Amino acid sequence: MKIIKISALWCPACLITNKALDKYLNENKDIEIVNLDYDFDEEEVKKYNVGTILPVLIFEKDNKEVLRLIGEKNYDEIKKAVGEL
């Protein structure tokens, strides 16, 4: 599985979600992560049609999107959502 994380330096919700996602990734080492910055990676971010609410976590299996989480998420929310895939 791969997670594409789209966030921004100025985004408080991103900071909270980053901490939760880091904890989740430490427990699940087989997940690839791609970090994109909303402001600095504009061309790449446009491909994902993310809108204005950050952060956005896009989960892919076999290069197909299987889940998208939008906005601030805590560890339990991430774990529960991934567990339902």
PDB file of N, CA and C in Angstrom:
ATOM      1  N   MET A   1       0.842  -1.177   0.000  1.00  0.00           N
ATOM      2  CA  MET A   1       0.000   0.000   0.000  1.00  0.00           C
ATOM      3  C   MET A   1       0.885   1.237   0.000  1.00  0.00           C
ATOM      4  N   LYS A   2       0.351   2.296  -0.581  1.00  0.00           N
ATOM      5  CA  LYS A   2       1.052   3.578  -0.633  1.00  0.00           C
ATOM      6  C   LYS A   2       0.108   4.662  -0.126  1.00  0.00           C
ATOM      7  N   ILE A   3       0.677   5.610   0.631  1.00  0.00           N
ATOM      8  CA  ILE A   3      -0.081   6.768   1.100  1.00  0.00           C
ATOM      9  C   ILE A   3       0.532   8.009   0.480  1.00  0.00           C
ATOM     10  N   ILE A   4      -0.308   8.799  -0.160  1.00  0.00           N
ATOM     11  CA  ILE A   4       0.113  10.097  -0.674  1.00  0.00           C
ATOM     12  C   ILE A   4      -0.442  11.127   0.296  1.00  0.00           C
ATOM     13  N   LYS A   5       0.467  11.808   0.976  1.00  0.00           N
ATOM     14  CA  LYS A   5       0.068  12.799   1.984  1.00  0.00           C
ATOM     15  C   LYS A   5       0.273  14.185   1.400  1.00  0.00           C
ATOM     16  N   ILE A   6      -0.798  14.962   1.363  1.00  0.00           N
ATOM     17  CA  ILE A   6      -0.732  16.332   0.868  1.00  0.00           C
ATOM     18  C   ILE A   6      -1.016  17.255   2.051  1.00  0.00           C
ATOM     19  N   SER A   7      -0.020  18.073   2.376  1.00  0.00           N
ATOM     20  CA  SER A   7      -0.149  18.963   3.529  1.00  0.00           C
ATOM     21  C   SER A   7       0.569  20.276   3.227  1.00  0.00           C
ATOM     22  N   ALA A   8       0.556  21.181   4.214  1.00  0.00           N
ATOM     23  CA  ALA A   8       1.214  22.475   4.050  1.00  0.00           C
ATOM     24  C   ALA A   8       1.856  22.886   5.370  1.00  0.00           C
ATOM     25  N   LEU A   9       2.914  23.661   5.274  1.00  0.00           N
ATOM     26  CA  LEU A   9       3.619  24.115   6.470  1.00  0.00           C
ATOM     27  C   LEU A   9       2.746  24.974   7.375  1.00  0.00           C
ATOM     28  N   TRP A  10       1.812  25.726   6.810  1.00  0.00           N
ATOM     29  CA  TRP A  10       0.975  26.660   7.566  1.00  0.00           C
ATOM     30  C   TRP A  10      -0.281  26.006   8.151  1.00  0.00           C
ATOM     31  N   CYS A  11      -0.443  24.720   7.974  1.00  0.00           N
ATOM     32  CA  CYS A  11      -1.685  24.018   8.316  1.00  0.00           C
ATOM     33  C   CYS A  11      -1.616  23.353   9.697  1.00  0.00           C
ATOM     34  N   PRO A  12      -2.333  23.883  10.714  1.00  0.00           N
ATOM     35  CA  PRO A  12      -2.316  23.273  12.052  1.00  0.00           C
ATOM     36  C   PRO A  12      -2.866  21.843  12.065  1.00  0.00           C
ATOM     37  N   ALA A  13      -3.911  21.574  11.288  1.00  0.00           N
ATOM     38  CA  ALA A  13      -4.481  20.227  11.237  1.00  0.00           C
ATOM     39  C   ALA A  13      -3.472  19.224  10.671  1.00  0.00           C
ATOM     40  N   CYS A  14      -2.609  19.701   9.786  1.00  0.00           N
ATOM     41  CA  CYS A  14      -1.580  18.833   9.202  1.00  0.00           C
ATOM     42  C   CYS A  14      -0.589  18.381  10.272  1.00  0.00           C
ATOM     43  N   LEU A  15      -0.228  19.280  11.171  1.00  0.00           N
ATOM     44  CA  LEU A  15       0.713  18.939  12.239  1.00  0.00           C
ATOM     45  C   LEU A  15       0.159  17.832  13.130  1.00  0.00           C
ATOM     46  N   ILE A  16      -1.107  17.938  13.463  1.00  0.00           N
ATOM     47  CA  ILE A  16      -1.751  16.930  14.309  1.00  0.00           C
ATOM     48  C   ILE A  16      -1.829  15.596  13.569  1.00  0.00           C
ATOM     49  N   THR A  17      -2.249  15.644  12.314  1.00  0.00           N
ATOM     50  CA  THR A  17      -2.368  14.418  11.520  1.00  0.00           C
ATOM     51  C   THR A  17      -0.993  13.798  11.271  1.00  0.00           C
ATOM     52  N   ASN A  18       0.027  14.617  11.043  1.00  0.00           N
ATOM     53  CA  ASN A  18       1.373  14.092  10.813  1.00  0.00           C
ATOM     54  C   ASN A  18       1.841  13.237  11.979  1.00  0.00           C
ATOM     55  N   LYS A  19       1.588  13.709  13.185  1.00  0.00           N
ATOM     56  CA  LYS A  19       1.993  12.971  14.384  1.00  0.00           C
ATOM     57  C   LYS A  19       1.274  11.618  14.448  1.00  0.00           C
ATOM     58  N   ALA A  20      -0.013  11.621  14.164  1.00  0.00           N
ATOM     59  CA  ALA A  20      -0.796  10.379  14.179  1.00  0.00           C
ATOM     60  C   ALA A  20      -0.342   9.436  13.066  1.00  0.00           C
ATOM     61  N   LEU A  21      -0.080   9.992  11.895  1.00  0.00           N
ATOM     62  CA  LEU A  21       0.348   9.173  10.764  1.00  0.00           C
ATOM     63  C   LEU A  21       1.731   8.583  11.024  1.00  0.00           C
ATOM     64  N   ASP A  22       2.629   9.361  11.598  1.00  0.00           N
ATOM     65  CA  ASP A  22       3.954   8.841  11.937  1.00  0.00           C
ATOM     66  C   ASP A  22       3.855   7.647  12.870  1.00  0.00           C
ATOM     67  N   LYS A  23       2.996   7.742  13.864  1.00  0.00           N
ATOM     68  CA  LYS A  23       2.797   6.627  14.800  1.00  0.00           C
ATOM     69  C   LYS A  23       2.278   5.403  14.040  1.00  0.00           C
ATOM     70  N   TYR A  24       1.313   5.614  13.157  1.00  0.00           N
ATOM     71  CA  TYR A  24       0.755   4.505  12.382  1.00  0.00           C
ATOM     72  C   TYR A  24       1.824   3.878  11.488  1.00  0.00           C
ATOM     73  N   LEU A  25       2.626   4.702  10.827  1.00  0.00           N
ATOM     74  CA  LEU A  25       3.662   4.188   9.923  1.00  0.00           C
ATOM     75  C   LEU A  25       4.757   3.445  10.678  1.00  0.00           C
ATOM     76  N   ASN A  26       5.055   3.849  11.903  1.00  0.00           N
ATOM     77  CA  ASN A  26       6.042   3.133  12.716  1.00  0.00           C
ATOM     78  C   ASN A  26       5.584   1.716  13.027  1.00  0.00           C
ATOM     79  N   GLU A  27       4.288   1.508  13.093  1.00  0.00           N
ATOM     80  CA  GLU A  27       3.725   0.183  13.369  1.00  0.00           C
ATOM     81  C   GLU A  27       3.485  -0.622  12.091  1.00  0.00           C
ATOM     82  N   ASN A  28       3.522   0.032  10.948  1.00  0.00           N
ATOM     83  CA  ASN A  28       3.227  -0.612   9.661  1.00  0.00           C
ATOM     84  C   ASN A  28       4.322  -0.237   8.662  1.00  0.00           C
ATOM     85  N   LYS A  29       5.437  -0.881   8.787  1.00  0.00           N
ATOM     86  CA  LYS A  29       6.642  -0.521   8.023  1.00  0.00           C
ATOM     87  C   LYS A  29       6.537  -0.830   6.533  1.00  0.00           C
ATOM     88  N   ASP A  30       5.556  -1.605   6.119  1.00  0.00           N
ATOM     89  CA  ASP A  30       5.451  -2.008   4.716  1.00  0.00           C
ATOM     90  C   ASP A  30       4.687  -0.988   3.857  1.00  0.00           C
ATOM     91  N   ILE A  31       4.327   0.144   4.439  1.00  0.00           N
ATOM     92  CA  ILE A  31       3.580   1.168   3.701  1.00  0.00           C
ATOM     93  C   ILE A  31       4.543   2.214   3.162  1.00  0.00           C
ATOM     94  N   GLU A  32       4.435   2.491   1.880  1.00  0.00           N
ATOM     95  CA  GLU A  32       5.239   3.538   1.244  1.00  0.00           C
ATOM     96  C   GLU A  32       4.515   4.871   1.437  1.00  0.00           C
ATOM     97  N   ILE A  33       5.264   5.926   1.693  1.00  0.00           N
ATOM     98  CA  ILE A  33       4.654   7.246   1.860  1.00  0.00           C
ATOM     99  C   ILE A  33       5.259   8.230   0.857  1.00  0.00           C
ATOM    100  N   VAL A  34       4.392   9.026   0.243  1.00  0.00           N
ATOM    101  CA  VAL A  34       4.811  10.088  -0.661  1.00  0.00           C
ATOM    102  C   VAL A  34       4.306  11.391  -0.055  1.00  0.00           C
ATOM    103  N   ASN A  35       5.222  12.290   0.269  1.00  0.00           N
ATOM    104  CA  ASN A  35       4.859  13.571   0.876  1.00  0.00           C
ATOM    105  C   ASN A  35       4.835  14.661  -0.178  1.00  0.00           C
ATOM    106  N   LEU A  36       3.699  15.336  -0.282  1.00  0.00           N
ATOM    107  CA  LEU A  36       3.579  16.461  -1.203  1.00  0.00           C
ATOM    108  C   LEU A  36       3.175  17.703  -0.412  1.00  0.00           C
ATOM    109  N   ASP A  37       3.796  18.834  -0.733  1.00  0.00           N
ATOM    110  CA  ASP A  37       3.451  20.089  -0.101  1.00  0.00           C
ATOM    111  C   ASP A  37       2.461  20.837  -0.992  1.00  0.00           C
ATOM    112  N   TYR A  38       1.359  21.253  -0.400  1.00  0.00           N
ATOM    113  CA  TYR A  38       0.278  21.919  -1.125  1.00  0.00           C
ATOM    114  C   TYR A  38       0.776  23.136  -1.913  1.00  0.00           C
ATOM    115  N   ASP A  39       1.725  23.870  -1.345  1.00  0.00           N
ATOM    116  CA  ASP A  39       2.223  25.087  -1.984  1.00  0.00           C
ATOM    117  C   ASP A  39       3.414  24.842  -2.915  1.00  0.00           C
ATOM    118  N   PHE A  40       4.328  23.988  -2.512  1.00  0.00           N
ATOM    119  CA  PHE A  40       5.573  23.800  -3.268  1.00  0.00           C
ATOM    120  C   PHE A  40       5.476  22.754  -4.370  1.00  0.00           C
ATOM    121  N   ASP A  41       4.532  21.830  -4.265  1.00  0.00           N
ATOM    122  CA  ASP A  41       4.373  20.764  -5.271  1.00  0.00           C
ATOM    123  C   ASP A  41       3.069  20.940  -6.041  1.00  0.00           C
ATOM    124  N   GLU A  42       2.770  22.181  -6.425  1.00  0.00           N
ATOM    125  CA  GLU A  42       1.472  22.523  -7.024  1.00  0.00           C
ATOM    126  C   GLU A  42       1.089  21.650  -8.210  1.00  0.00           C
ATOM    127  N   GLU A  43       2.012  21.426  -9.130  1.00  0.00           N
ATOM    128  CA  GLU A  43       1.685  20.651 -10.336  1.00  0.00           C
ATOM    129  C   GLU A  43       1.292  19.214  -9.988  1.00  0.00           C
ATOM    130  N   GLU A  44       2.041  18.609  -9.089  1.00  0.00           N
ATOM    131  CA  GLU A  44       1.748  17.231  -8.670  1.00  0.00           C
ATOM    132  C   GLU A  44       0.430  17.174  -7.887  1.00  0.00           C
ATOM    133  N   VAL A  45       0.221  18.139  -6.994  1.00  0.00           N
ATOM    134  CA  VAL A  45      -0.998  18.183  -6.174  1.00  0.00           C
ATOM    135  C   VAL A  45      -2.236  18.325  -7.055  1.00  0.00           C
ATOM    136  N   LYS A  46      -2.140  19.112  -8.135  1.00  0.00           N
ATOM    137  CA  LYS A  46      -3.284  19.308  -9.040  1.00  0.00           C
ATOM    138  C   LYS A  46      -3.820  17.991  -9.585  1.00  0.00           C
ATOM    139  N   LYS A  47      -2.945  17.023  -9.785  1.00  0.00           N
ATOM    140  CA  LYS A  47      -3.344  15.714 -10.329  1.00  0.00           C
ATOM    141  C   LYS A  47      -4.348  14.997  -9.430  1.00  0.00           C
ATOM    142  N   TYR A  48      -4.338  15.328  -8.127  1.00  0.00           N
ATOM    143  CA  TYR A  48      -5.170  14.612  -7.158  1.00  0.00           C
ATOM    144  C   TYR A  48      -6.471  15.337  -6.819  1.00  0.00           C
ATOM    145  N   ASN A  49      -6.697  16.509  -7.393  1.00  0.00           N
ATOM    146  CA  ASN A  49      -7.959  17.222  -7.203  1.00  0.00           C
ATOM    147  C   ASN A  49      -8.355  17.291  -5.721  1.00  0.00           C
ATOM    148  N   VAL A  50      -7.508  17.920  -4.907  1.00  0.00           N
ATOM    149  CA  VAL A  50      -7.703  17.879  -3.461  1.00  0.00           C
ATOM    150  C   VAL A  50      -8.573  18.973  -2.870  1.00  0.00           C
ATOM    151  N   GLY A  51      -8.833  20.040  -3.567  1.00  0.00           N
ATOM    152  CA  GLY A  51      -9.643  21.103  -2.985  1.00  0.00           C
ATOM    153  C   GLY A  51      -8.830  21.927  -2.002  1.00  0.00           C
ATOM    154  N   THR A  52      -9.488  22.507  -0.995  1.00  0.00           N
ATOM    155  CA  THR A  52      -8.810  23.430  -0.084  1.00  0.00           C
ATOM    156  C   THR A  52      -8.706  22.938   1.351  1.00  0.00           C
ATOM    157  N   ILE A  53      -9.293  21.801   1.688  1.00  0.00           N
ATOM    158  CA  ILE A  53      -9.219  21.282   3.056  1.00  0.00           C
ATOM    159  C   ILE A  53      -8.011  20.350   3.155  1.00  0.00           C
ATOM    160  N   LEU A  54      -7.143  20.657   4.108  1.00  0.00           N
ATOM    161  CA  LEU A  54      -5.927  19.867   4.317  1.00  0.00           C
ATOM    162  C   LEU A  54      -5.917  19.313   5.729  1.00  0.00           C
ATOM    163  N   PRO A  55      -5.143  18.263   5.965  1.00  0.00           N
ATOM    164  CA  PRO A  55      -4.389  17.481   5.002  1.00  0.00           C
ATOM    165  C   PRO A  55      -5.284  16.516   4.240  1.00  0.00           C
ATOM    166  N   VAL A  56      -4.717  15.948   3.184  1.00  0.00           N
ATOM    167  CA  VAL A  56      -5.390  14.903   2.423  1.00  0.00           C
ATOM    168  C   VAL A  56      -4.468  13.689   2.414  1.00  0.00           C
ATOM    169  N   LEU A  57      -5.022  12.551   2.821  1.00  0.00           N
ATOM    170  CA  LEU A  57      -4.289  11.289   2.773  1.00  0.00           C
ATOM    171  C   LEU A  57      -4.973  10.410   1.738  1.00  0.00           C
ATOM    172  N   ILE A  58      -4.234  10.046   0.702  1.00  0.00           N
ATOM    173  CA  ILE A  58      -4.773   9.210  -0.365  1.00  0.00           C
ATOM    174  C   ILE A  58      -4.089   7.849  -0.269  1.00  0.00           C
ATOM    175  N   PHE A  59      -4.885   6.823  -0.072  1.00  0.00           N
ATOM    176  CA  PHE A  59      -4.367   5.466   0.060  1.00  0.00           C
ATOM    177  C   PHE A  59      -4.535   4.755  -1.274  1.00  0.00           C
ATOM    178  N   GLU A  60      -3.446   4.169  -1.764  1.00  0.00           N
ATOM    179  CA  GLU A  60      -3.480   3.468  -3.047  1.00  0.00           C
ATOM    180  C   GLU A  60      -3.027   2.029  -2.878  1.00  0.00           C
ATOM    181  N   LYS A  61      -3.697   1.142  -3.613  1.00  0.00           N
ATOM    182  CA  LYS A  61      -3.275  -0.252  -3.758  1.00  0.00           C
ATOM    183  C   LYS A  61      -3.211  -0.516  -5.245  1.00  0.00           C
ATOM    184  N   ASP A  62      -2.106  -1.073  -5.706  1.00  0.00           N
ATOM    185  CA  ASP A  62      -1.919  -1.357  -7.134  1.00  0.00           C
ATOM    186  C   ASP A  62      -2.160  -0.111  -7.984  1.00  0.00           C
ATOM    187  N   ASN A  63      -1.665   1.032  -7.512  1.00  0.00           N
ATOM    188  CA  ASN A  63      -1.782   2.326  -8.202  1.00  0.00           C
ATOM    189  C   ASN A  63      -3.220   2.790  -8.427  1.00  0.00           C
ATOM    190  N   LYS A  64      -4.148   2.305  -7.605  1.00  0.00           N
ATOM    191  CA  LYS A  64      -5.538   2.751  -7.666  1.00  0.00           C
ATOM    192  C   LYS A  64      -5.932   3.288  -6.290  1.00  0.00           C
ATOM    193  N   GLU A  65      -6.605   4.435  -6.291  1.00  0.00           N
ATOM    194  CA  GLU A  65      -7.057   5.009  -5.022  1.00  0.00           C
ATOM    195  C   GLU A  65      -8.135   4.132  -4.403  1.00  0.00           C
ATOM    196  N   VAL A  66      -7.918   3.768  -3.131  1.00  0.00           N
ATOM    197  CA  VAL A  66      -8.891   2.942  -2.425  1.00  0.00           C
ATOM    198  C   VAL A  66      -9.516   3.669  -1.236  1.00  0.00           C
ATOM    199  N   LEU A  67      -8.895   4.780  -0.826  1.00  0.00           N
ATOM    200  CA  LEU A  67      -9.404   5.528   0.330  1.00  0.00           C
ATOM    201  C   LEU A  67      -8.819   6.926   0.299  1.00  0.00           C
ATOM    202  N   ARG A  68      -9.633   7.901   0.714  1.00  0.00           N
ATOM    203  CA  ARG A  68      -9.164   9.284   0.836  1.00  0.00           C
ATOM    204  C   ARG A  68      -9.678   9.834   2.155  1.00  0.00           C
ATOM    205  N   LEU A  69      -8.755  10.290   2.989  1.00  0.00           N
ATOM    206  CA  LEU A  69      -9.104  10.937   4.250  1.00  0.00           C
ATOM    207  C   LEU A  69      -8.793  12.415   4.110  1.00  0.00           C
ATOM    208  N   ILE A  70      -9.749  13.259   4.469  1.00  0.00           N
ATOM    209  CA  ILE A  70      -9.602  14.706   4.304  1.00  0.00           C
ATOM    210  C   ILE A  70      -9.782  15.382   5.662  1.00  0.00           C
ATOM    211  N   GLY A  71      -8.869  16.289   5.956  1.00  0.00           N
ATOM    212  CA  GLY A  71      -8.954  17.032   7.208  1.00  0.00           C
ATOM    213  C   GLY A  71      -8.196  16.344   8.332  1.00  0.00           C
ATOM    214  N   GLU A  72      -8.244  16.963   9.501  1.00  0.00           N
ATOM    215  CA  GLU A  72      -7.509  16.474  10.667  1.00  0.00           C
ATOM    216  C   GLU A  72      -7.993  15.086  11.084  1.00  0.00           C
ATOM    217  N   LYS A  73      -7.049  14.164  11.242  1.00  0.00           N
ATOM    218  CA  LYS A  73      -7.362  12.802  11.677  1.00  0.00           C
ATOM    219  C   LYS A  73      -6.403  12.414  12.794  1.00  0.00           C
ATOM    220  N   ASN A  74      -6.938  11.675  13.775  1.00  0.00           N
ATOM    221  CA  ASN A  74      -6.061  11.177  14.832  1.00  0.00           C
ATOM    222  C   ASN A  74      -5.661   9.732  14.521  1.00  0.00           C
ATOM    223  N   TYR A  75      -4.817   9.184  15.349  1.00  0.00           N
ATOM    224  CA  TYR A  75      -4.292   7.833  15.130  1.00  0.00           C
ATOM    225  C   TYR A  75      -5.419   6.805  14.991  1.00  0.00           C
ATOM    226  N   ASP A  76      -6.386   6.835  15.895  1.00  0.00           N
ATOM    227  CA  ASP A  76      -7.473   5.850  15.868  1.00  0.00           C
ATOM    228  C   ASP A  76      -8.298   5.949  14.591  1.00  0.00           C
ATOM    229  N   GLU A  77      -8.527   7.161  14.119  1.00  0.00           N
ATOM    230  CA  GLU A  77      -9.295   7.341  12.877  1.00  0.00           C
ATOM    231  C   GLU A  77      -8.542   6.761  11.674  1.00  0.00           C
ATOM    232  N   ILE A  78      -7.238   6.989  11.632  1.00  0.00           N
ATOM    233  CA  ILE A  78      -6.434   6.447  10.533  1.00  0.00           C
ATOM    234  C   ILE A  78      -6.428   4.927  10.589  1.00  0.00           C
ATOM    235  N   LYS A  79      -6.165   4.391  11.761  1.00  0.00           N
ATOM    236  CA  LYS A  79      -6.102   2.930  11.930  1.00  0.00           C
ATOM    237  C   LYS A  79      -7.437   2.273  11.555  1.00  0.00           C
ATOM    238  N   LYS A  80      -8.529   2.856  12.005  1.00  0.00           N
ATOM    239  CA  LYS A  80      -9.858   2.303  11.717  1.00  0.00           C
ATOM    240  C   LYS A  80     -10.142   2.343  10.211  1.00  0.00           C
ATOM    241  N   ALA A  81      -9.858   3.453   9.571  1.00  0.00           N
ATOM    242  CA  ALA A  81     -10.135   3.596   8.140  1.00  0.00           C
ATOM    243  C   ALA A  81      -9.311   2.598   7.323  1.00  0.00           C
ATOM    244  N   VAL A  82      -8.045   2.459   7.637  1.00  0.00           N
ATOM    245  CA  VAL A  82      -7.188   1.519   6.906  1.00  0.00           C
ATOM    246  C   VAL A  82      -7.619   0.084   7.183  1.00  0.00           C
ATOM    247  N   GLY A  83      -8.032  -0.197   8.397  1.00  0.00           N
ATOM    248  CA  GLY A  83      -8.488  -1.540   8.754  1.00  0.00           C
ATOM    249  C   GLY A  83      -9.728  -1.969   8.008  1.00  0.00           C
ATOM    250  N   GLU A  84     -10.501  -1.014   7.513  1.00  0.00           N
ATOM    251  CA  GLU A  84     -11.740  -1.329   6.787  1.00  0.00           C
ATOM    252  C   GLU A  84     -11.514  -1.566   5.294  1.00  0.00           C
ATOM    253  N   LEU A  85     -10.262  -1.412   4.830  1.00  0.00           N
ATOM    254  CA  LEU A  85      -9.973  -1.633   3.403  1.00  0.00           C
ATOM    255  C   LEU A  85      -9.986  -3.115   3.070  1.00  0.00           C
TER     256      LEU A  85
END
